[in-house]
Amino acid sequence: MAEFPTATAAEIKISFGGTDAKAAFDALELDRDDGRRRAIHFWDSPRRAAGGEVTLPLLERGVILRLRRDDEGHASEQDADLTVKLRPCPVLPGSWREDREGEDWEFRVEEDRTGPAFTPVLSASLEAESGPTGLLLVERQRELLEAAGLTGADLAGLTALGPVRAVKWKQDWDEVPGTVAIEEWRTGNGLRFLEVSARSDVGDAAEVQTRLEQALRERDITPPPFGEMKTQAVMKALARDAQF
């Protein structure tokens, strides 16, 4: 019988967009040369309505297909990973209800808690090693998509969206347990996001959220009163500019 997976870990995220992203970047005194540079592509099947509005069928079903590759060096030498993410995660068969991994892939279930509301959203993702270009799903990823109700027709004729230019830093902050991750996204059409995040056990998520917000304030950064999921915002913007 299919049931919802169980998350034991949570990721707490605070995202800044536009001028707020620049202000946070400056306040944190970040240097792009100190971070890991990556290029990110997404895949979906954009559809343009008569009025010009663009919809993304996979994203609307909570399915995200994402390729990240190192943005330096010769293409054949770049590290790359391809992720299938289900957010919110649907009910799944028993074999997909908890974390597991193979030789070149890892399946993880966790709660996404994005500010300012920090409402827990169940998320499942399967990350696998990949070539630096193209959508080359491994067998386990296809099995996960099938378990989530997708068919070959849903994955036919997909359009690549991107690239997003990303830089990621990992820092140790005294106020926050574990590692704080900071990631900047920029697109050719002018979008800019900066996300600050931390991971914790589900039971500690509320405390880590409070400590992360306080740590930002101590760095003269005010968490935004309104939030936008950076992945959704970026994918929709890229789709509006895509040729399909």
C-alpha atoms as a PDB file:
ATOM      1  CA  MET A   1       0.000   0.000   0.000  1.00  0.00           C
ATOM      2  CA  ALA A   2       1.308   3.465  -0.909  1.00  0.00           C
ATOM      3  CA  GLU A   3       1.860   5.908   1.942  1.00  0.00           C
ATOM      4  CA  PHE A   4       3.705   9.159   2.541  1.00  0.00           C
ATOM      5  CA  PRO A   5       7.430   8.727   3.273  1.00  0.00           C
ATOM      6  CA  THR A   6       8.778   9.692   6.674  1.00  0.00           C
ATOM      7  CA  ALA A   7      11.257  12.562   6.959  1.00  0.00           C
ATOM      8  CA  THR A   8      13.813  12.540   9.747  1.00  0.00           C
ATOM      9  CA  ALA A   9      15.719  15.639   8.553  1.00  0.00           C
ATOM     10  CA  ALA A  10      14.669  19.171   7.712  1.00  0.00           C
ATOM     11  CA  GLU A  11      16.194  21.962   5.633  1.00  0.00           C
ATOM     12  CA  ILE A  12      15.456  25.496   6.814  1.00  0.00           C
ATOM     13  CA  LYS A  13      15.732  28.107   4.043  1.00  0.00           C
ATOM     14  CA  ILE A  14      15.605  31.897   3.998  1.00  0.00           C
ATOM     15  CA  SER A  15      15.614  33.407   0.518  1.00  0.00           C
ATOM     16  CA  PHE A  16      16.291  36.967  -0.637  1.00  0.00           C
ATOM     17  CA  GLY A  17      15.430  38.261  -4.095  1.00  0.00           C
ATOM     18  CA  GLY A  18      16.488  41.238  -6.217  1.00  0.00           C
ATOM     19  CA  THR A  19      17.911  44.182  -4.295  1.00  0.00           C
ATOM     20  CA  ASP A  20      17.471  42.269  -1.015  1.00  0.00           C
ATOM     21  CA  ALA A  21      19.732  39.547  -2.430  1.00  0.00           C
ATOM     22  CA  LYS A  22      22.413  42.124  -3.223  1.00  0.00           C
ATOM     23  CA  ALA A  23      22.131  43.687   0.243  1.00  0.00           C
ATOM     24  CA  ALA A  24      22.459  40.282   1.936  1.00  0.00           C
ATOM     25  CA  PHE A  25      25.379  39.363  -0.341  1.00  0.00           C
ATOM     26  CA  ASP A  26      27.203  42.559   0.648  1.00  0.00           C
ATOM     27  CA  ALA A  27      26.394  42.208   4.361  1.00  0.00           C
ATOM     28  CA  LEU A  28      27.799  38.670   4.388  1.00  0.00           C
ATOM     29  CA  GLU A  29      30.938  39.944   2.620  1.00  0.00           C
ATOM     30  CA  LEU A  30      30.813  37.112   0.112  1.00  0.00           C
ATOM     31  CA  ASP A  31      33.443  36.632  -2.581  1.00  0.00           C
ATOM     32  CA  ARG A  32      32.440  34.534  -5.595  1.00  0.00           C
ATOM     33  CA  ASP A  33      36.029  33.351  -5.972  1.00  0.00           C
ATOM     34  CA  ASP A  34      35.687  31.623  -2.592  1.00  0.00           C
ATOM     35  CA  GLY A  35      32.561  29.663  -3.566  1.00  0.00           C
ATOM     36  CA  ARG A  36      31.805  26.686  -5.753  1.00  0.00           C
ATOM     37  CA  ARG A  37      30.605  27.856  -9.155  1.00  0.00           C
ATOM     38  CA  ARG A  38      28.010  25.753 -10.935  1.00  0.00           C
ATOM     39  CA  ALA A  39      25.682  25.978 -13.907  1.00  0.00           C
ATOM     40  CA  ILE A  40      22.142  24.691 -13.407  1.00  0.00           C
ATOM     41  CA  HIS A  41      19.567  23.537 -15.971  1.00  0.00           C
ATOM     42  CA  PHE A  42      15.982  22.420 -15.459  1.00  0.00           C
ATOM     43  CA  TRP A  43      13.668  20.459 -17.731  1.00  0.00           C
ATOM     44  CA  ASP A  44       9.924  20.818 -18.229  1.00  0.00           C
ATOM     45  CA  SER A  45       7.316  21.059 -21.011  1.00  0.00           C
ATOM     46  CA  PRO A  46       6.451  24.767 -21.210  1.00  0.00           C
ATOM     47  CA  ARG A  47       3.075  25.617 -22.703  1.00  0.00           C
ATOM     48  CA  ARG A  48       2.042  29.081 -23.813  1.00  0.00           C
ATOM     49  CA  ALA A  49      -1.628  30.031 -23.518  1.00  0.00           C
ATOM     50  CA  ALA A  50      -3.395  32.359 -25.943  1.00  0.00           C
ATOM     51  CA  GLY A  51      -2.840  35.279 -23.583  1.00  0.00           C
ATOM     52  CA  GLY A  52       0.911  34.609 -23.452  1.00  0.00           C
ATOM     53  CA  GLU A  53       0.981  33.031 -19.998  1.00  0.00           C
ATOM     54  CA  VAL A  54       3.436  30.143 -19.703  1.00  0.00           C
ATOM     55  CA  THR A  55       2.690  27.045 -17.637  1.00  0.00           C
ATOM     56  CA  LEU A  56       5.063  24.274 -16.558  1.00  0.00           C
ATOM     57  CA  PRO A  57       3.202  20.937 -16.271  1.00  0.00           C
ATOM     58  CA  LEU A  58       5.892  19.034 -14.349  1.00  0.00           C
ATOM     59  CA  LEU A  59       6.476  21.855 -11.889  1.00  0.00           C
ATOM     60  CA  GLU A  60       2.734  22.140 -11.309  1.00  0.00           C
ATOM     61  CA  ARG A  61       2.743  18.441 -10.378  1.00  0.00           C
ATOM     62  CA  GLY A  62       5.587  19.011  -7.941  1.00  0.00           C
ATOM     63  CA  VAL A  63       8.248  17.395 -10.147  1.00  0.00           C
ATOM     64  CA  ILE A  64      11.610  19.106 -10.657  1.00  0.00           C
ATOM     65  CA  LEU A  65      14.345  17.774 -12.957  1.00  0.00           C
ATOM     66  CA  ARG A  66      17.649  19.564 -12.285  1.00  0.00           C
ATOM     67  CA  LEU A  67      21.184  19.175 -13.613  1.00  0.00           C
ATOM     68  CA  ARG A  68      24.070  20.884 -11.800  1.00  0.00           C
ATOM     69  CA  ARG A  69      27.601  20.914 -13.170  1.00  0.00           C
ATOM     70  CA  ASP A  70      30.799  22.611 -12.131  1.00  0.00           C
ATOM     71  CA  ASP A  71      31.149  25.808 -14.104  1.00  0.00           C
ATOM     72  CA  GLU A  72      34.889  25.599 -14.596  1.00  0.00           C
ATOM     73  CA  GLY A  73      37.313  23.504 -16.600  1.00  0.00           C
ATOM     74  CA  HIS A  74      36.862  21.280 -19.648  1.00  0.00           C
ATOM     75  CA  ALA A  75      33.359  19.796 -19.984  1.00  0.00           C
ATOM     76  CA  SER A  76      34.628  16.203 -19.806  1.00  0.00           C
ATOM     77  CA  GLU A  77      36.271  16.913 -16.443  1.00  0.00           C
ATOM     78  CA  GLN A  78      33.362  18.684 -14.751  1.00  0.00           C
ATOM     79  CA  ASP A  79      31.576  17.055 -11.830  1.00  0.00           C
ATOM     80  CA  ALA A  80      27.828  16.922 -12.453  1.00  0.00           C
ATOM     81  CA  ASP A  81      24.755  15.567 -10.723  1.00  0.00           C
ATOM     82  CA  LEU A  82      21.206  15.077 -11.912  1.00  0.00           C
ATOM     83  CA  THR A  83      18.361  15.269  -9.393  1.00  0.00           C
ATOM     84  CA  VAL A  84      14.731  14.205  -9.553  1.00  0.00           C
ATOM     85  CA  LYS A  85      12.829  16.049  -6.826  1.00  0.00           C
ATOM     86  CA  LEU A  86       9.224  15.550  -5.732  1.00  0.00           C
ATOM     87  CA  ARG A  87       7.959  18.569  -3.769  1.00  0.00           C
ATOM     88  CA  PRO A  88       5.440  18.161  -2.289  1.00  0.00           C
ATOM     89  CA  CYS A  89       6.100  14.447  -2.217  1.00  0.00           C
ATOM     90  CA  PRO A  90       3.076  12.245  -3.053  1.00  0.00           C
ATOM     91  CA  VAL A  91       2.272   8.901  -1.477  1.00  0.00           C
ATOM     92  CA  LEU A  92       4.818   6.297  -2.606  1.00  0.00           C
ATOM     93  CA  PRO A  93       5.252   2.501  -2.411  1.00  0.00           C
ATOM     94  CA  GLY A  94       7.061   1.043   0.587  1.00  0.00           C
ATOM     95  CA  SER A  95      10.480   0.903  -1.099  1.00  0.00           C
ATOM     96  CA  TRP A  96      10.457   4.712  -1.370  1.00  0.00           C
ATOM     97  CA  ARG A  97       9.481   5.622   2.186  1.00  0.00           C
ATOM     98  CA  GLU A  98      12.928   6.197   3.697  1.00  0.00           C
ATOM     99  CA  ASP A  99      16.444   7.272   2.791  1.00  0.00           C
ATOM    100  CA  ARG A 100      18.627   4.822   0.858  1.00  0.00           C
ATOM    101  CA  GLU A 101      21.515   4.886  -1.585  1.00  0.00           C
ATOM    102  CA  GLY A 102      23.359   2.946  -4.250  1.00  0.00           C
ATOM    103  CA  GLU A 103      26.782   3.082  -5.820  1.00  0.00           C
ATOM    104  CA  ASP A 104      26.169   6.295  -7.771  1.00  0.00           C
ATOM    105  CA  TRP A 105      22.849   7.604  -6.423  1.00  0.00           C
ATOM    106  CA  GLU A 106      21.238   8.745  -3.172  1.00  0.00           C
ATOM    107  CA  PHE A 107      17.556   8.970  -2.252  1.00  0.00           C
ATOM    108  CA  ARG A 108      16.644  11.404   0.520  1.00  0.00           C
ATOM    109  CA  VAL A 109      13.371  12.386   2.197  1.00  0.00           C
ATOM    110  CA  GLU A 110      13.226  15.580   4.235  1.00  0.00           C
ATOM    111  CA  GLU A 111      11.087  18.527   5.190  1.00  0.00           C
ATOM    112  CA  ASP A 112      11.589  21.772   3.293  1.00  0.00           C
ATOM    113  CA  ARG A 113      10.896  24.750   5.556  1.00  0.00           C
ATOM    114  CA  THR A 114      11.113  28.007   3.619  1.00  0.00           C
ATOM    115  CA  GLY A 115      10.708  31.402   5.258  1.00  0.00           C
ATOM    116  CA  PRO A 116       8.923  33.478   6.195  1.00  0.00           C
ATOM    117  CA  ALA A 117       6.170  30.955   7.008  1.00  0.00           C
ATOM    118  CA  PHE A 118       8.500  27.933   7.380  1.00  0.00           C
ATOM    119  CA  THR A 119       5.571  25.587   6.733  1.00  0.00           C
ATOM    120  CA  PRO A 120       6.936  22.026   6.487  1.00  0.00           C
ATOM    121  CA  VAL A 121       6.646  20.564   2.979  1.00  0.00           C
ATOM    122  CA  LEU A 122       7.583  16.930   2.452  1.00  0.00           C
ATOM    123  CA  SER A 123      10.245  16.612  -0.229  1.00  0.00           C
ATOM    124  CA  ALA A 124      11.866  13.543  -1.789  1.00  0.00           C
ATOM    125  CA  SER A 125      14.876  13.679  -4.074  1.00  0.00           C
ATOM    126  CA  LEU A 126      17.059  11.196  -5.898  1.00  0.00           C
ATOM    127  CA  GLU A 127      20.451  12.565  -6.874  1.00  0.00           C
ATOM    128  CA  ALA A 128      22.713  10.638  -9.244  1.00  0.00           C
ATOM    129  CA  GLU A 129      26.054  11.152 -10.893  1.00  0.00           C
ATOM    130  CA  SER A 130      25.624  12.475 -14.401  1.00  0.00           C
ATOM    131  CA  GLY A 131      27.377  13.605 -17.514  1.00  0.00           C
ATOM    132  CA  PRO A 132      27.896  17.372 -17.797  1.00  0.00           C
ATOM    133  CA  THR A 133      25.117  17.867 -20.367  1.00  0.00           C
ATOM    134  CA  GLY A 134      21.706  16.472 -21.205  1.00  0.00           C
ATOM    135  CA  LEU A 135      18.912  14.788 -19.294  1.00  0.00           C
ATOM    136  CA  LEU A 136      20.234  11.260 -18.730  1.00  0.00           C
ATOM    137  CA  LEU A 137      18.037   9.731 -16.041  1.00  0.00           C
ATOM    138  CA  VAL A 138      19.370   6.640 -14.310  1.00  0.00           C
ATOM    139  CA  GLU A 139      17.154   3.607 -13.801  1.00  0.00           C
ATOM    140  CA  ARG A 140      16.358   4.446 -10.170  1.00  0.00           C
ATOM    141  CA  GLN A 141      15.211   7.931 -11.139  1.00  0.00           C
ATOM    142  CA  ARG A 142      12.874   6.537 -13.775  1.00  0.00           C
ATOM    143  CA  GLU A 143      11.502   4.112 -11.186  1.00  0.00           C
ATOM    144  CA  LEU A 144      10.864   6.990  -8.770  1.00  0.00           C
ATOM    145  CA  LEU A 145       9.047   9.020 -11.417  1.00  0.00           C
ATOM    146  CA  GLU A 146       6.942   5.983 -12.310  1.00  0.00           C
ATOM    147  CA  ALA A 147       6.116   5.460  -8.629  1.00  0.00           C
ATOM    148  CA  ALA A 148       4.982   9.101  -8.528  1.00  0.00           C
ATOM    149  CA  GLY A 149       2.575   8.480 -11.399  1.00  0.00           C
ATOM    150  CA  LEU A 150       4.526   9.870 -14.355  1.00  0.00           C
ATOM    151  CA  THR A 151       4.583   8.077 -17.700  1.00  0.00           C
ATOM    152  CA  GLY A 152       6.847   8.179 -20.720  1.00  0.00           C
ATOM    153  CA  ALA A 153       4.468  10.659 -22.318  1.00  0.00           C
ATOM    154  CA  ASP A 154       5.002  13.072 -19.410  1.00  0.00           C
ATOM    155  CA  LEU A 155       8.748  12.992 -20.067  1.00  0.00           C
ATOM    156  CA  ALA A 156       8.612  13.264 -23.856  1.00  0.00           C
ATOM    157  CA  GLY A 157       9.686  16.427 -25.641  1.00  0.00           C
ATOM    158  CA  LEU A 158      11.083  18.206 -22.609  1.00  0.00           C
ATOM    159  CA  THR A 159      12.688  21.641 -22.965  1.00  0.00           C
ATOM    160  CA  ALA A 160      15.939  22.571 -21.216  1.00  0.00           C
ATOM    161  CA  LEU A 161      15.658  25.769 -19.169  1.00  0.00           C
ATOM    162  CA  GLY A 162      18.803  27.647 -18.237  1.00  0.00           C
ATOM    163  CA  PRO A 163      21.509  28.091 -17.455  1.00  0.00           C
ATOM    164  CA  VAL A 164      21.337  29.526 -13.972  1.00  0.00           C
ATOM    165  CA  ARG A 165      24.735  30.724 -12.777  1.00  0.00           C
ATOM    166  CA  ALA A 166      25.129  29.588  -9.177  1.00  0.00           C
ATOM    167  CA  VAL A 167      27.772  30.045  -6.509  1.00  0.00           C
ATOM    168  CA  LYS A 168      27.643  28.144  -3.219  1.00  0.00           C
ATOM    169  CA  TRP A 169      29.495  28.729   0.017  1.00  0.00           C
ATOM    170  CA  LYS A 170      29.547  26.663   3.213  1.00  0.00           C
ATOM    171  CA  GLN A 171      30.313  28.425   6.471  1.00  0.00           C
ATOM    172  CA  ASP A 172      30.401  27.696  10.182  1.00  0.00           C
ATOM    173  CA  TRP A 173      28.396  30.184  12.232  1.00  0.00           C
ATOM    174  CA  ASP A 174      28.684  30.063  16.013  1.00  0.00           C
ATOM    175  CA  GLU A 175      24.965  30.744  16.432  1.00  0.00           C
ATOM    176  CA  VAL A 176      23.789  27.873  14.205  1.00  0.00           C
ATOM    177  CA  PRO A 177      24.569  24.166  14.720  1.00  0.00           C
ATOM    178  CA  GLY A 178      26.148  22.385  11.803  1.00  0.00           C
ATOM    179  CA  THR A 179      26.997  24.063   8.510  1.00  0.00           C
ATOM    180  CA  VAL A 180      25.300  27.104   7.021  1.00  0.00           C
ATOM    181  CA  ALA A 181      24.944  26.945   3.233  1.00  0.00           C
ATOM    182  CA  ILE A 182      24.684  30.120   1.177  1.00  0.00           C
ATOM    183  CA  GLU A 183      23.781  29.949  -2.508  1.00  0.00           C
ATOM    184  CA  GLU A 184      23.448  32.714  -5.069  1.00  0.00           C
ATOM    185  CA  TRP A 185      21.487  32.247  -8.298  1.00  0.00           C
ATOM    186  CA  ARG A 186      21.647  34.643 -11.256  1.00  0.00           C
ATOM    187  CA  THR A 187      20.037  34.386 -14.670  1.00  0.00           C
ATOM    188  CA  GLY A 188      20.650  36.058 -17.991  1.00  0.00           C
ATOM    189  CA  ASN A 189      17.306  37.853 -17.731  1.00  0.00           C
ATOM    190  CA  GLY A 190      18.320  39.653 -14.552  1.00  0.00           C
ATOM    191  CA  LEU A 191      16.905  37.525 -11.751  1.00  0.00           C
ATOM    192  CA  ARG A 192      18.986  37.242  -8.606  1.00  0.00           C
ATOM    193  CA  PHE A 193      18.374  35.180  -5.475  1.00  0.00           C
ATOM    194  CA  LEU A 194      20.435  34.511  -2.381  1.00  0.00           C
ATOM    195  CA  GLU A 195      19.392  31.630  -0.143  1.00  0.00           C
ATOM    196  CA  VAL A 196      20.745  30.940   3.343  1.00  0.00           C
ATOM    197  CA  SER A 197      19.971  27.471   4.704  1.00  0.00           C
ATOM    198  CA  ALA A 198      20.756  24.992   7.461  1.00  0.00           C
ATOM    199  CA  ARG A 199      19.883  21.342   8.017  1.00  0.00           C
ATOM    200  CA  SER A 200      18.723  19.714  11.228  1.00  0.00           C
ATOM    201  CA  ASP A 201      16.730  16.828  12.630  1.00  0.00           C
ATOM    202  CA  VAL A 202      12.986  17.359  12.286  1.00  0.00           C
ATOM    203  CA  GLY A 203      12.617  17.676  16.048  1.00  0.00           C
ATOM    204  CA  ASP A 204      15.186  20.515  16.174  1.00  0.00           C
ATOM    205  CA  ALA A 205      13.947  22.412  13.115  1.00  0.00           C
ATOM    206  CA  ALA A 206      12.004  25.119  14.969  1.00  0.00           C
ATOM    207  CA  GLU A 207      14.994  25.955  17.169  1.00  0.00           C
ATOM    208  CA  VAL A 208      17.414  26.003  14.237  1.00  0.00           C
ATOM    209  CA  GLN A 209      15.022  28.279  12.335  1.00  0.00           C
ATOM    210  CA  THR A 210      14.991  30.750  15.224  1.00  0.00           C
ATOM    211  CA  ARG A 211      18.760  30.652  15.565  1.00  0.00           C
ATOM    212  CA  LEU A 212      19.291  31.114  11.821  1.00  0.00           C
ATOM    213  CA  GLU A 213      16.991  34.164  11.733  1.00  0.00           C
ATOM    214  CA  GLN A 214      18.739  35.644  14.766  1.00  0.00           C
ATOM    215  CA  ALA A 215      22.165  35.004  13.232  1.00  0.00           C
ATOM    216  CA  LEU A 216      21.130  36.967  10.150  1.00  0.00           C
ATOM    217  CA  ARG A 217      19.881  39.876  12.242  1.00  0.00           C
ATOM    218  CA  GLU A 218      23.176  39.929  14.106  1.00  0.00           C
ATOM    219  CA  ARG A 219      24.805  40.385  10.692  1.00  0.00           C
ATOM    220  CA  ASP A 220      22.479  43.362   9.957  1.00  0.00           C
ATOM    221  CA  ILE A 221      20.303  41.294   7.608  1.00  0.00           C
ATOM    222  CA  THR A 222      16.555  41.340   8.162  1.00  0.00           C
ATOM    223  CA  PRO A 223      14.750  38.174   6.995  1.00  0.00           C
ATOM    224  CA  PRO A 224      12.172  39.193   4.360  1.00  0.00           C
ATOM    225  CA  PRO A 225       8.499  39.429   5.413  1.00  0.00           C
ATOM    226  CA  PHE A 226       7.463  37.859   2.123  1.00  0.00           C
ATOM    227  CA  GLY A 227       9.043  34.921   0.371  1.00  0.00           C
ATOM    228  CA  GLU A 228       9.137  33.364  -3.084  1.00  0.00           C
ATOM    229  CA  MET A 229      10.382  29.876  -3.890  1.00  0.00           C
ATOM    230  CA  LYS A 230      13.498  30.594  -5.911  1.00  0.00           C
ATOM    231  CA  THR A 231      13.240  27.434  -8.025  1.00  0.00           C
ATOM    232  CA  GLN A 232       9.673  28.190  -9.091  1.00  0.00           C
ATOM    233  CA  ALA A 233      10.405  31.853  -9.795  1.00  0.00           C
ATOM    234  CA  VAL A 234      13.518  31.074 -11.825  1.00  0.00           C
ATOM    235  CA  MET A 235      11.960  28.237 -13.834  1.00  0.00           C
ATOM    236  CA  LYS A 236       8.949  30.365 -14.771  1.00  0.00           C
ATOM    237  CA  ALA A 237      11.167  33.271 -15.807  1.00  0.00           C
ATOM    238  CA  LEU A 238      13.402  31.001 -17.893  1.00  0.00           C
ATOM    239  CA  ALA A 239      10.373  29.419 -19.536  1.00  0.00           C
ATOM    240  CA  ARG A 240       9.011  32.819 -20.569  1.00  0.00           C
ATOM    241  CA  ASP A 241      12.250  33.468 -22.471  1.00  0.00           C
ATOM    242  CA  ALA A 242      12.632  29.951 -23.897  1.00  0.00           C
ATOM    243  CA  GLN A 243      11.979  28.997 -27.505  1.00  0.00           C
ATOM    244  CA  PHE A 244       9.489  26.109 -27.654  1.00  0.00           C
END
